[in-house]
Amino acid sequence: MSKHRGYHHRLTIRATKTERKHLGERAQAAHLSVSRYLVEAALTSANPPTPESRAERERLLFQLRKIGVNLNQLARRANAGLPVPIERLDGTLSAAQTVMAQLQGGAS
């Protein structure tokens, strides 16, 4: 017997390899196909992201990557036996905590 349930429209989406992997994992956990999972998630979501919230998330992720570069530079100095200014390390870790809290929807 066919699984066709009267679906008359096919949608195509674009996703990165990582996004596709995560979608597959979530769909499997929900015992749904990826396409059915996407439909169910989209139709039951009370708060779809706005263009502004997506732009803010991208800005925060960019900041977090910059912080990671800074931490890498500090680690390189420490591993080379060079002094690492504690103020710079504290500031970098504080910035990372702030950005991560914002990404999670917490207060800054």
PDB file of N, CA and C in Angstrom:
ATOM      1  N   MET A   1       0.841  -1.175   0.000  1.00  0.00           N
ATOM      2  CA  MET A   1       0.000   0.000   0.000  1.00  0.00           C
ATOM      3  C   MET A   1       0.890   1.244   0.000  1.00  0.00           C
ATOM      4  N   SER A   2       0.536   2.204  -0.772  1.00  0.00           N
ATOM      5  CA  SER A   2       1.310   3.437  -0.904  1.00  0.00           C
ATOM      6  C   SER A   2       1.142   4.328   0.327  1.00  0.00           C
ATOM      7  N   LYS A   3       2.221   5.067   0.638  1.00  0.00           N
ATOM      8  CA  LYS A   3       2.159   6.013   1.753  1.00  0.00           C
ATOM      9  C   LYS A   3       1.560   7.347   1.323  1.00  0.00           C
ATOM     10  N   HIS A   4       1.249   7.490   0.031  1.00  0.00           N
ATOM     11  CA  HIS A   4       0.711   8.746  -0.486  1.00  0.00           C
ATOM     12  C   HIS A   4      -0.592   9.074   0.246  1.00  0.00           C
ATOM     13  N   ARG A   5      -0.636  10.250   0.832  1.00  0.00           N
ATOM     14  CA  ARG A   5      -1.807  10.643   1.619  1.00  0.00           C
ATOM     15  C   ARG A   5      -2.487  11.876   1.038  1.00  0.00           C
ATOM     16  N   GLY A   6      -2.421  12.015  -0.245  1.00  0.00           N
ATOM     17  CA  GLY A   6      -3.077  13.149  -0.863  1.00  0.00           C
ATOM     18  C   GLY A   6      -2.238  14.408  -0.875  1.00  0.00           C
ATOM     19  N   TYR A   7      -0.949  14.236  -0.760  1.00  0.00           N
ATOM     20  CA  TYR A   7      -0.071  15.397  -0.846  1.00  0.00           C
ATOM     21  C   TYR A   7       0.072  15.770  -2.315  1.00  0.00           C
ATOM     22  N   HIS A   8      -0.347  16.970  -2.652  1.00  0.00           N
ATOM     23  CA  HIS A   8      -0.340  17.387  -4.048  1.00  0.00           C
ATOM     24  C   HIS A   8       0.785  18.359  -4.381  1.00  0.00           C
ATOM     25  N   HIS A   9       1.532  18.789  -3.387  1.00  0.00           N
ATOM     26  CA  HIS A   9       2.574  19.779  -3.623  1.00  0.00           C
ATOM     27  C   HIS A   9       3.902  19.302  -3.061  1.00  0.00           C
ATOM     28  N   ARG A  10       4.935  19.549  -3.835  1.00  0.00           N
ATOM     29  CA  ARG A  10       6.291  19.204  -3.419  1.00  0.00           C
ATOM     30  C   ARG A  10       7.028  20.516  -3.175  1.00  0.00           C
ATOM     31  N   LEU A  11       7.735  20.600  -2.046  1.00  0.00           N
ATOM     32  CA  LEU A  11       8.524  21.776  -1.710  1.00  0.00           C
ATOM     33  C   LEU A  11       9.998  21.409  -1.713  1.00  0.00           C
ATOM     34  N   THR A  12      10.803  22.335  -2.135  1.00  0.00           N
ATOM     35  CA  THR A  12      12.247  22.131  -2.120  1.00  0.00           C
ATOM     36  C   THR A  12      12.845  23.141  -1.152  1.00  0.00           C
ATOM     37  N   ILE A  13      13.744  22.684  -0.306  1.00  0.00           N
ATOM     38  CA  ILE A  13      14.417  23.582   0.627  1.00  0.00           C
ATOM     39  C   ILE A  13      15.918  23.475   0.430  1.00  0.00           C
ATOM     40  N   ARG A  14      16.629  24.441   0.960  1.00  0.00           N
ATOM     41  CA  ARG A  14      18.087  24.410   0.941  1.00  0.00           C
ATOM     42  C   ARG A  14      18.575  24.344   2.371  1.00  0.00           C
ATOM     43  N   ALA A  15      19.577  23.508   2.608  1.00  0.00           N
ATOM     44  CA  ALA A  15      20.147  23.361   3.945  1.00  0.00           C
ATOM     45  C   ALA A  15      21.618  22.983   3.807  1.00  0.00           C
ATOM     46  N   THR A  16      22.384  23.342   4.819  1.00  0.00           N
ATOM     47  CA  THR A  16      23.772  22.921   4.837  1.00  0.00           C
ATOM     48  C   THR A  16      23.821  21.438   5.209  1.00  0.00           C
ATOM     49  N   LYS A  17      24.975  20.855   5.051  1.00  0.00           N
ATOM     50  CA  LYS A  17      25.147  19.449   5.410  1.00  0.00           C
ATOM     51  C   LYS A  17      24.844  19.244   6.897  1.00  0.00           C
ATOM     52  N   THR A  18      25.316  20.162   7.719  1.00  0.00           N
ATOM     53  CA  THR A  18      25.091  20.073   9.162  1.00  0.00           C
ATOM     54  C   THR A  18      23.615  20.245   9.497  1.00  0.00           C
ATOM     55  N   GLU A  19      22.963  21.216   8.855  1.00  0.00           N
ATOM     56  CA  GLU A  19      21.536  21.420   9.094  1.00  0.00           C
ATOM     57  C   GLU A  19      20.746  20.184   8.690  1.00  0.00           C
ATOM     58  N   ARG A  20      21.100  19.596   7.566  1.00  0.00           N
ATOM     59  CA  ARG A  20      20.407  18.387   7.100  1.00  0.00           C
ATOM     60  C   ARG A  20      20.570  17.253   8.098  1.00  0.00           C
ATOM     61  N   LYS A  21      21.777  17.132   8.647  1.00  0.00           N
ATOM     62  CA  LYS A  21      22.051  16.084   9.635  1.00  0.00           C
ATOM     63  C   LYS A  21      21.190  16.291  10.878  1.00  0.00           C
ATOM     64  N   HIS A  22      21.134  17.525  11.378  1.00  0.00           N
ATOM     65  CA  HIS A  22      20.342  17.821  12.574  1.00  0.00           C
ATOM     66  C   HIS A  22      18.844  17.616  12.315  1.00  0.00           C
ATOM     67  N   LEU A  23      18.380  18.014  11.144  1.00  0.00           N
ATOM     68  CA  LEU A  23      16.972  17.787  10.806  1.00  0.00           C
ATOM     69  C   LEU A  23      16.657  16.289  10.784  1.00  0.00           C
ATOM     70  N   GLY A  24      17.554  15.524  10.195  1.00  0.00           N
ATOM     71  CA  GLY A  24      17.355  14.076  10.146  1.00  0.00           C
ATOM     72  C   GLY A  24      17.292  13.465  11.529  1.00  0.00           C
ATOM     73  N   GLU A  25      18.179  13.925  12.413  1.00  0.00           N
ATOM     74  CA  GLU A  25      18.195  13.403  13.781  1.00  0.00           C
ATOM     75  C   GLU A  25      16.900  13.748  14.517  1.00  0.00           C
ATOM     76  N   ARG A  26      16.451  14.988  14.365  1.00  0.00           N
ATOM     77  CA  ARG A  26      15.224  15.413  15.044  1.00  0.00           C
ATOM     78  C   ARG A  26      14.003  14.690  14.481  1.00  0.00           C
ATOM     79  N   ALA A  27      13.965  14.545  13.165  1.00  0.00           N
ATOM     80  CA  ALA A  27      12.847  13.848  12.544  1.00  0.00           C
ATOM     81  C   ALA A  27      12.806  12.394  13.009  1.00  0.00           C
ATOM     82  N   GLN A  28      13.963  11.764  13.066  1.00  0.00           N
ATOM     83  CA  GLN A  28      14.030  10.367  13.504  1.00  0.00           C
ATOM     84  C   GLN A  28      13.559  10.238  14.952  1.00  0.00           C
ATOM     85  N   ALA A  29      13.980  11.174  15.804  1.00  0.00           N
ATOM     86  CA  ALA A  29      13.561  11.139  17.205  1.00  0.00           C
ATOM     87  C   ALA A  29      12.044  11.316  17.341  1.00  0.00           C
ATOM     88  N   ALA A  30      11.455  12.053  16.408  1.00  0.00           N
ATOM     89  CA  ALA A  30      10.007  12.276  16.425  1.00  0.00           C
ATOM     90  C   ALA A  30       9.253  11.197  15.667  1.00  0.00           C
ATOM     91  N   HIS A  31       9.972  10.225  15.112  1.00  0.00           N
ATOM     92  CA  HIS A  31       9.382   9.142  14.317  1.00  0.00           C
ATOM     93  C   HIS A  31       8.627   9.683  13.107  1.00  0.00           C
ATOM     94  N   LEU A  32       9.259  10.671  12.442  1.00  0.00           N
ATOM     95  CA  LEU A  32       8.679  11.279  11.255  1.00  0.00           C
ATOM     96  C   LEU A  32       9.718  11.327  10.151  1.00  0.00           C
ATOM     97  N   SER A  33       9.235  11.442   8.913  1.00  0.00           N
ATOM     98  CA  SER A  33      10.164  11.708   7.819  1.00  0.00           C
ATOM     99  C   SER A  33      10.629  13.151   7.964  1.00  0.00           C
ATOM    100  N   VAL A  34      11.714  13.497   7.311  1.00  0.00           N
ATOM    101  CA  VAL A  34      12.209  14.865   7.388  1.00  0.00           C
ATOM    102  C   VAL A  34      11.164  15.835   6.834  1.00  0.00           C
ATOM    103  N   SER A  35      10.555  15.483   5.707  1.00  0.00           N
ATOM    104  CA  SER A  35       9.562  16.398   5.130  1.00  0.00           C
ATOM    105  C   SER A  35       8.358  16.563   6.059  1.00  0.00           C
ATOM    106  N   ARG A  36       7.874  15.482   6.651  1.00  0.00           N
ATOM    107  CA  ARG A  36       6.728  15.583   7.564  1.00  0.00           C
ATOM    108  C   ARG A  36       7.132  16.358   8.821  1.00  0.00           C
ATOM    109  N   TYR A  37       8.351  16.146   9.302  1.00  0.00           N
ATOM    110  CA  TYR A  37       8.841  16.872  10.474  1.00  0.00           C
ATOM    111  C   TYR A  37       8.856  18.374  10.193  1.00  0.00           C
ATOM    112  N   LEU A  38       9.356  18.765   9.018  1.00  0.00           N
ATOM    113  CA  LEU A  38       9.407  20.180   8.669  1.00  0.00           C
ATOM    114  C   LEU A  38       8.007  20.783   8.593  1.00  0.00           C
ATOM    115  N   VAL A  39       7.073  20.071   7.989  1.00  0.00           N
ATOM    116  CA  VAL A  39       5.698  20.571   7.889  1.00  0.00           C
ATOM    117  C   VAL A  39       5.099  20.723   9.285  1.00  0.00           C
ATOM    118  N   GLU A  40       5.226  19.684  10.105  1.00  0.00           N
ATOM    119  CA  GLU A  40       4.664  19.734  11.461  1.00  0.00           C
ATOM    120  C   GLU A  40       5.292  20.861  12.278  1.00  0.00           C
ATOM    121  N   ALA A  41       6.614  20.992  12.205  1.00  0.00           N
ATOM    122  CA  ALA A  41       7.303  22.030  12.967  1.00  0.00           C
ATOM    123  C   ALA A  41       6.885  23.420  12.510  1.00  0.00           C
ATOM    124  N   ALA A  42       6.760  23.606  11.207  1.00  0.00           N
ATOM    125  CA  ALA A  42       6.398  24.923  10.674  1.00  0.00           C
ATOM    126  C   ALA A  42       4.960  25.289  11.026  1.00  0.00           C
ATOM    127  N   LEU A  43       4.070  24.328  10.997  1.00  0.00           N
ATOM    128  CA  LEU A  43       2.662  24.626  11.245  1.00  0.00           C
ATOM    129  C   LEU A  43       2.315  24.718  12.721  1.00  0.00           C
ATOM    130  N   THR A  44       3.170  24.204  13.582  1.00  0.00           N
ATOM    131  CA  THR A  44       2.878  24.267  15.017  1.00  0.00           C
ATOM    132  C   THR A  44       3.725  25.303  15.736  1.00  0.00           C
ATOM    133  N   SER A  45       4.645  25.923  15.045  1.00  0.00           N
ATOM    134  CA  SER A  45       5.506  26.921  15.671  1.00  0.00           C
ATOM    135  C   SER A  45       4.709  28.193  15.921  1.00  0.00           C
ATOM    136  N   ALA A  46       4.663  28.613  17.180  1.00  0.00           N
ATOM    137  CA  ALA A  46       3.923  29.823  17.537  1.00  0.00           C
ATOM    138  C   ALA A  46       4.736  31.082  17.249  1.00  0.00           C
ATOM    139  N   ASN A  47       6.043  30.968  17.240  1.00  0.00           N
ATOM    140  CA  ASN A  47       6.896  32.141  17.094  1.00  0.00           C
ATOM    141  C   ASN A  47       7.961  31.928  16.024  1.00  0.00           C
ATOM    142  N   PRO A  48       7.591  32.004  14.764  1.00  0.00           N
ATOM    143  CA  PRO A  48       8.629  31.871  13.739  1.00  0.00           C
ATOM    144  C   PRO A  48       9.593  33.053  13.831  1.00  0.00           C
ATOM    145  N   PRO A  49      10.858  32.822  13.515  1.00  0.00           N
ATOM    146  CA  PRO A  49      11.829  33.919  13.632  1.00  0.00           C
ATOM    147  C   PRO A  49      11.533  35.037  12.628  1.00  0.00           C
ATOM    148  N   THR A  50      11.719  36.251  13.099  1.00  0.00           N
ATOM    149  CA  THR A  50      11.538  37.417  12.236  1.00  0.00           C
ATOM    150  C   THR A  50      12.849  37.690  11.505  1.00  0.00           C
ATOM    151  N   PRO A  51      12.812  38.469  10.435  1.00  0.00           N
ATOM    152  CA  PRO A  51      14.076  38.837   9.779  1.00  0.00           C
ATOM    153  C   PRO A  51      15.032  39.538  10.741  1.00  0.00           C
ATOM    154  N   GLU A  52      14.477  40.340  11.640  1.00  0.00           N
ATOM    155  CA  GLU A  52      15.312  41.044  12.612  1.00  0.00           C
ATOM    156  C   GLU A  52      15.977  40.074  13.579  1.00  0.00           C
ATOM    157  N   SER A  53      15.224  39.073  14.055  1.00  0.00           N
ATOM    158  CA  SER A  53      15.803  38.116  15.004  1.00  0.00           C
ATOM    159  C   SER A  53      16.844  37.232  14.316  1.00  0.00           C
ATOM    160  N   ARG A  54      16.623  36.899  13.043  1.00  0.00           N
ATOM    161  CA  ARG A  54      17.636  36.119  12.317  1.00  0.00           C
ATOM    162  C   ARG A  54      18.899  36.936  12.114  1.00  0.00           C
ATOM    163  N   ALA A  55      18.747  38.220  11.793  1.00  0.00           N
ATOM    164  CA  ALA A  55      19.910  39.096  11.609  1.00  0.00           C
ATOM    165  C   ALA A  55      20.670  39.250  12.932  1.00  0.00           C
ATOM    166  N   GLU A  56      19.949  39.378  14.024  1.00  0.00           N
ATOM    167  CA  GLU A  56      20.580  39.494  15.347  1.00  0.00           C
ATOM    168  C   GLU A  56      21.349  38.215  15.685  1.00  0.00           C
ATOM    169  N   ARG A  57      20.761  37.067  15.381  1.00  0.00           N
ATOM    170  CA  ARG A  57      21.445  35.792  15.646  1.00  0.00           C
ATOM    171  C   ARG A  57      22.729  35.697  14.839  1.00  0.00           C
ATOM    172  N   GLU A  58      22.676  36.086  13.569  1.00  0.00           N
ATOM    173  CA  GLU A  58      23.879  36.065  12.730  1.00  0.00           C
ATOM    174  C   GLU A  58      24.945  37.013  13.276  1.00  0.00           C
ATOM    175  N   ARG A  59      24.522  38.188  13.753  1.00  0.00           N
ATOM    176  CA  ARG A  59      25.465  39.152  14.333  1.00  0.00           C
ATOM    177  C   ARG A  59      26.122  38.567  15.582  1.00  0.00           C
ATOM    178  N   LEU A  60      25.330  37.918  16.428  1.00  0.00           N
ATOM    179  CA  LEU A  60      25.871  37.322  17.647  1.00  0.00           C
ATOM    180  C   LEU A  60      26.818  36.168  17.331  1.00  0.00           C
ATOM    181  N   LEU A  61      26.476  35.355  16.341  1.00  0.00           N
ATOM    182  CA  LEU A  61      27.365  34.254  15.952  1.00  0.00           C
ATOM    183  C   LEU A  61      28.681  34.789  15.395  1.00  0.00           C
ATOM    184  N   PHE A  62      28.617  35.880  14.638  1.00  0.00           N
ATOM    185  CA  PHE A  62      29.833  36.515  14.129  1.00  0.00           C
ATOM    186  C   PHE A  62      30.701  36.987  15.296  1.00  0.00           C
ATOM    187  N   GLN A  63      30.073  37.628  16.282  1.00  0.00           N
ATOM    188  CA  GLN A  63      30.821  38.081  17.463  1.00  0.00           C
ATOM    189  C   GLN A  63      31.442  36.904  18.205  1.00  0.00           C
ATOM    190  N   LEU A  64      30.700  35.820  18.329  1.00  0.00           N
ATOM    191  CA  LEU A  64      31.210  34.647  19.033  1.00  0.00           C
ATOM    192  C   LEU A  64      32.413  34.049  18.305  1.00  0.00           C
ATOM    193  N   ARG A  65      32.382  34.046  16.972  1.00  0.00           N
ATOM    194  CA  ARG A  65      33.548  33.557  16.214  1.00  0.00           C
ATOM    195  C   ARG A  65      34.762  34.454  16.454  1.00  0.00           C
ATOM    196  N   LYS A  66      34.553  35.769  16.492  1.00  0.00           N
ATOM    197  CA  LYS A  66      35.652  36.695  16.765  1.00  0.00           C
ATOM    198  C   LYS A  66      36.226  36.467  18.159  1.00  0.00           C
ATOM    199  N   ILE A  67      35.363  36.212  19.125  1.00  0.00           N
ATOM    200  CA  ILE A  67      35.807  35.923  20.488  1.00  0.00           C
ATOM    201  C   ILE A  67      36.632  34.647  20.501  1.00  0.00           C
ATOM    202  N   GLY A  68      36.196  33.647  19.741  1.00  0.00           N
ATOM    203  CA  GLY A  68      36.946  32.391  19.653  1.00  0.00           C
ATOM    204  C   GLY A  68      38.340  32.606  19.085  1.00  0.00           C
ATOM    205  N   VAL A  69      38.459  33.480  18.091  1.00  0.00           N
ATOM    206  CA  VAL A  69      39.771  33.804  17.526  1.00  0.00           C
ATOM    207  C   VAL A  69      40.645  34.454  18.599  1.00  0.00           C
ATOM    208  N   ASN A  70      40.062  35.367  19.360  1.00  0.00           N
ATOM    209  CA  ASN A  70      40.802  36.046  20.424  1.00  0.00           C
ATOM    210  C   ASN A  70      41.269  35.039  21.481  1.00  0.00           C
ATOM    211  N   LEU A  71      40.403  34.125  21.871  1.00  0.00           N
ATOM    212  CA  LEU A  71      40.791  33.093  22.845  1.00  0.00           C
ATOM    213  C   LEU A  71      41.910  32.213  22.294  1.00  0.00           C
ATOM    214  N   ASN A  72      41.839  31.894  21.018  1.00  0.00           N
ATOM    215  CA  ASN A  72      42.883  31.095  20.394  1.00  0.00           C
ATOM    216  C   ASN A  72      44.227  31.822  20.441  1.00  0.00           C
ATOM    217  N   GLN A  73      44.214  33.128  20.195  1.00  0.00           N
ATOM    218  CA  GLN A  73      45.445  33.914  20.261  1.00  0.00           C
ATOM    219  C   GLN A  73      46.011  33.934  21.679  1.00  0.00           C
ATOM    220  N   LEU A  74      45.125  34.063  22.659  1.00  0.00           N
ATOM    221  CA  LEU A  74      45.590  34.046  24.061  1.00  0.00           C
ATOM    222  C   LEU A  74      46.161  32.680  24.432  1.00  0.00           C
ATOM    223  N   ALA A  75      45.520  31.622  23.976  1.00  0.00           N
ATOM    224  CA  ALA A  75      46.019  30.268  24.258  1.00  0.00           C
ATOM    225  C   ALA A  75      47.374  30.050  23.595  1.00  0.00           C
ATOM    226  N   ARG A  76      47.535  30.551  22.384  1.00  0.00           N
ATOM    227  CA  ARG A  76      48.810  30.422  21.685  1.00  0.00           C
ATOM    228  C   ARG A  76      49.924  31.111  22.476  1.00  0.00           C
ATOM    229  N   ARG A  77      49.620  32.300  22.992  1.00  0.00           N
ATOM    230  CA  ARG A  77      50.615  33.025  23.816  1.00  0.00           C
ATOM    231  C   ARG A  77      50.968  32.211  25.059  1.00  0.00           C
ATOM    232  N   ALA A  78      49.959  31.714  25.734  1.00  0.00           N
ATOM    233  CA  ALA A  78      50.195  30.952  26.963  1.00  0.00           C
ATOM    234  C   ALA A  78      51.003  29.692  26.672  1.00  0.00           C
ATOM    235  N   ASN A  79      50.671  28.998  25.587  1.00  0.00           N
ATOM    236  CA  ASN A  79      51.394  27.774  25.227  1.00  0.00           C
ATOM    237  C   ASN A  79      52.835  28.050  24.823  1.00  0.00           C
ATOM    238  N   ALA A  80      53.106  29.281  24.374  1.00  0.00           N
ATOM    239  CA  ALA A  80      54.474  29.652  23.996  1.00  0.00           C
ATOM    240  C   ALA A  80      55.259  30.173  25.204  1.00  0.00           C
ATOM    241  N   GLY A  81      54.629  30.168  26.369  1.00  0.00           N
ATOM    242  CA  GLY A  81      55.300  30.633  27.573  1.00  0.00           C
ATOM    243  C   GLY A  81      55.316  32.147  27.716  1.00  0.00           C
ATOM    244  N   LEU A  82      54.520  32.835  26.923  1.00  0.00           N
ATOM    245  CA  LEU A  82      54.452  34.290  26.995  1.00  0.00           C
ATOM    246  C   LEU A  82      53.365  34.705  27.989  1.00  0.00           C
ATOM    247  N   PRO A  83      53.521  35.880  28.580  1.00  0.00           N
ATOM    248  CA  PRO A  83      52.497  36.316  29.537  1.00  0.00           C
ATOM    249  C   PRO A  83      51.168  36.625  28.842  1.00  0.00           C
ATOM    250  N   VAL A  84      50.096  36.284  29.527  1.00  0.00           N
ATOM    251  CA  VAL A  84      48.749  36.575  29.037  1.00  0.00           C
ATOM    252  C   VAL A  84      48.133  37.574  30.010  1.00  0.00           C
ATOM    253  N   PRO A  85      47.854  38.780  29.549  1.00  0.00           N
ATOM    254  CA  PRO A  85      47.257  39.778  30.444  1.00  0.00           C
ATOM    255  C   PRO A  85      45.897  39.294  30.973  1.00  0.00           C
ATOM    256  N   ILE A  86      45.786  39.219  32.292  1.00  0.00           N
ATOM    257  CA  ILE A  86      44.565  38.695  32.917  1.00  0.00           C
ATOM    258  C   ILE A  86      43.348  39.537  32.542  1.00  0.00           C
ATOM    259  N   GLU A  87      43.556  40.842  32.361  1.00  0.00           N
ATOM    260  CA  GLU A  87      42.429  41.709  32.002  1.00  0.00           C
ATOM    261  C   GLU A  87      41.876  41.323  30.623  1.00  0.00           C
ATOM    262  N   ARG A  88      42.789  40.989  29.726  1.00  0.00           N
ATOM    263  CA  ARG A  88      42.361  40.609  28.375  1.00  0.00           C
ATOM    264  C   ARG A  88      41.619  39.279  28.405  1.00  0.00           C
ATOM    265  N   LEU A  89      42.112  38.343  29.196  1.00  0.00           N
ATOM    266  CA  LEU A  89      41.456  37.043  29.319  1.00  0.00           C
ATOM    267  C   LEU A  89      40.085  37.210  29.973  1.00  0.00           C
ATOM    268  N   ASP A  90      40.024  37.976  31.058  1.00  0.00           N
ATOM    269  CA  ASP A  90      38.740  38.212  31.732  1.00  0.00           C
ATOM    270  C   ASP A  90      37.737  38.876  30.794  1.00  0.00           C
ATOM    271  N   GLY A  91      38.193  39.883  30.051  1.00  0.00           N
ATOM    272  CA  GLY A  91      37.305  40.582  29.124  1.00  0.00           C
ATOM    273  C   GLY A  91      36.781  39.671  28.037  1.00  0.00           C
ATOM    274  N   THR A  92      37.660  38.808  27.532  1.00  0.00           N
ATOM    275  CA  THR A  92      37.263  37.893  26.463  1.00  0.00           C
ATOM    276  C   THR A  92      36.251  36.871  26.977  1.00  0.00           C
ATOM    277  N   LEU A  93      36.508  36.326  28.160  1.00  0.00           N
ATOM    278  CA  LEU A  93      35.573  35.342  28.728  1.00  0.00           C
ATOM    279  C   LEU A  93      34.234  35.986  29.074  1.00  0.00           C
ATOM    280  N   SER A  94      34.271  37.204  29.573  1.00  0.00           N
ATOM    281  CA  SER A  94      33.043  37.933  29.891  1.00  0.00           C
ATOM    282  C   SER A  94      32.229  38.194  28.622  1.00  0.00           C
ATOM    283  N   ALA A  95      32.919  38.601  27.556  1.00  0.00           N
ATOM    284  CA  ALA A  95      32.234  38.837  26.279  1.00  0.00           C
ATOM    285  C   ALA A  95      31.604  37.548  25.764  1.00  0.00           C
ATOM    286  N   ALA A  96      32.316  36.440  25.908  1.00  0.00           N
ATOM    287  CA  ALA A  96      31.780  35.150  25.450  1.00  0.00           C
ATOM    288  C   ALA A  96      30.523  34.792  26.237  1.00  0.00           C
ATOM    289  N   GLN A  97      30.544  34.981  27.538  1.00  0.00           N
ATOM    290  CA  GLN A  97      29.368  34.677  28.364  1.00  0.00           C
ATOM    291  C   GLN A  97      28.182  35.554  27.972  1.00  0.00           C
ATOM    292  N   THR A  98      28.439  36.820  27.720  1.00  0.00           N
ATOM    293  CA  THR A  98      27.370  37.744  27.338  1.00  0.00           C
ATOM    294  C   THR A  98      26.734  37.334  26.019  1.00  0.00           C
ATOM    295  N   VAL A  99      27.570  37.053  25.039  1.00  0.00           N
ATOM    296  CA  VAL A  99      27.050  36.680  23.717  1.00  0.00           C
ATOM    297  C   VAL A  99      26.296  35.350  23.793  1.00  0.00           C
ATOM    298  N   MET A 100      26.825  34.387  24.526  1.00  0.00           N
ATOM    299  CA  MET A 100      26.146  33.088  24.634  1.00  0.00           C
ATOM    300  C   MET A 100      24.791  33.246  25.343  1.00  0.00           C
ATOM    301  N   ALA A 101      24.737  34.094  26.372  1.00  0.00           N
ATOM    302  CA  ALA A 101      23.459  34.344  27.051  1.00  0.00           C
ATOM    303  C   ALA A 101      22.458  34.976  26.093  1.00  0.00           C
ATOM    304  N   GLN A 102      22.925  35.916  25.278  1.00  0.00           N
ATOM    305  CA  GLN A 102      22.040  36.550  24.295  1.00  0.00           C
ATOM    306  C   GLN A 102      21.542  35.539  23.267  1.00  0.00           C
ATOM    307  N   LEU A 103      22.425  34.635  22.840  1.00  0.00           N
ATOM    308  CA  LEU A 103      22.006  33.607  21.891  1.00  0.00           C
ATOM    309  C   LEU A 103      20.959  32.676  22.490  1.00  0.00           C
ATOM    310  N   GLN A 104      21.045  32.450  23.794  1.00  0.00           N
ATOM    311  CA  GLN A 104      20.092  31.583  24.460  1.00  0.00           C
ATOM    312  C   GLN A 104      18.840  32.330  24.882  1.00  0.00           C
ATOM    313  N   GLY A 105      18.807  33.637  24.594  1.00  0.00           N
ATOM    314  CA  GLY A 105      17.609  34.408  24.923  1.00  0.00           C
ATOM    315  C   GLY A 105      17.615  34.992  26.313  1.00  0.00           C
ATOM    316  N   GLY A 106      18.774  34.939  26.988  1.00  0.00           N
ATOM    317  CA  GLY A 106      18.867  35.496  28.333  1.00  0.00           C
ATOM    318  C   GLY A 106      19.232  36.957  28.309  1.00  0.00           C
ATOM    319  N   ALA A 107      19.290  37.513  29.449  1.00  0.00           N
ATOM    320  CA  ALA A 107      19.660  38.922  29.591  1.00  0.00           C
ATOM    321  C   ALA A 107      21.157  39.067  29.369  1.00  0.00           C
ATOM    322  N   SER A 108      21.560  40.243  28.900  1.00  0.00           N
ATOM    323  CA  SER A 108      22.986  40.481  28.669  1.00  0.00           C
ATOM    324  C   SER A 108      23.657  41.040  29.891  1.00  0.00           C
TER     325      SER A 108
END
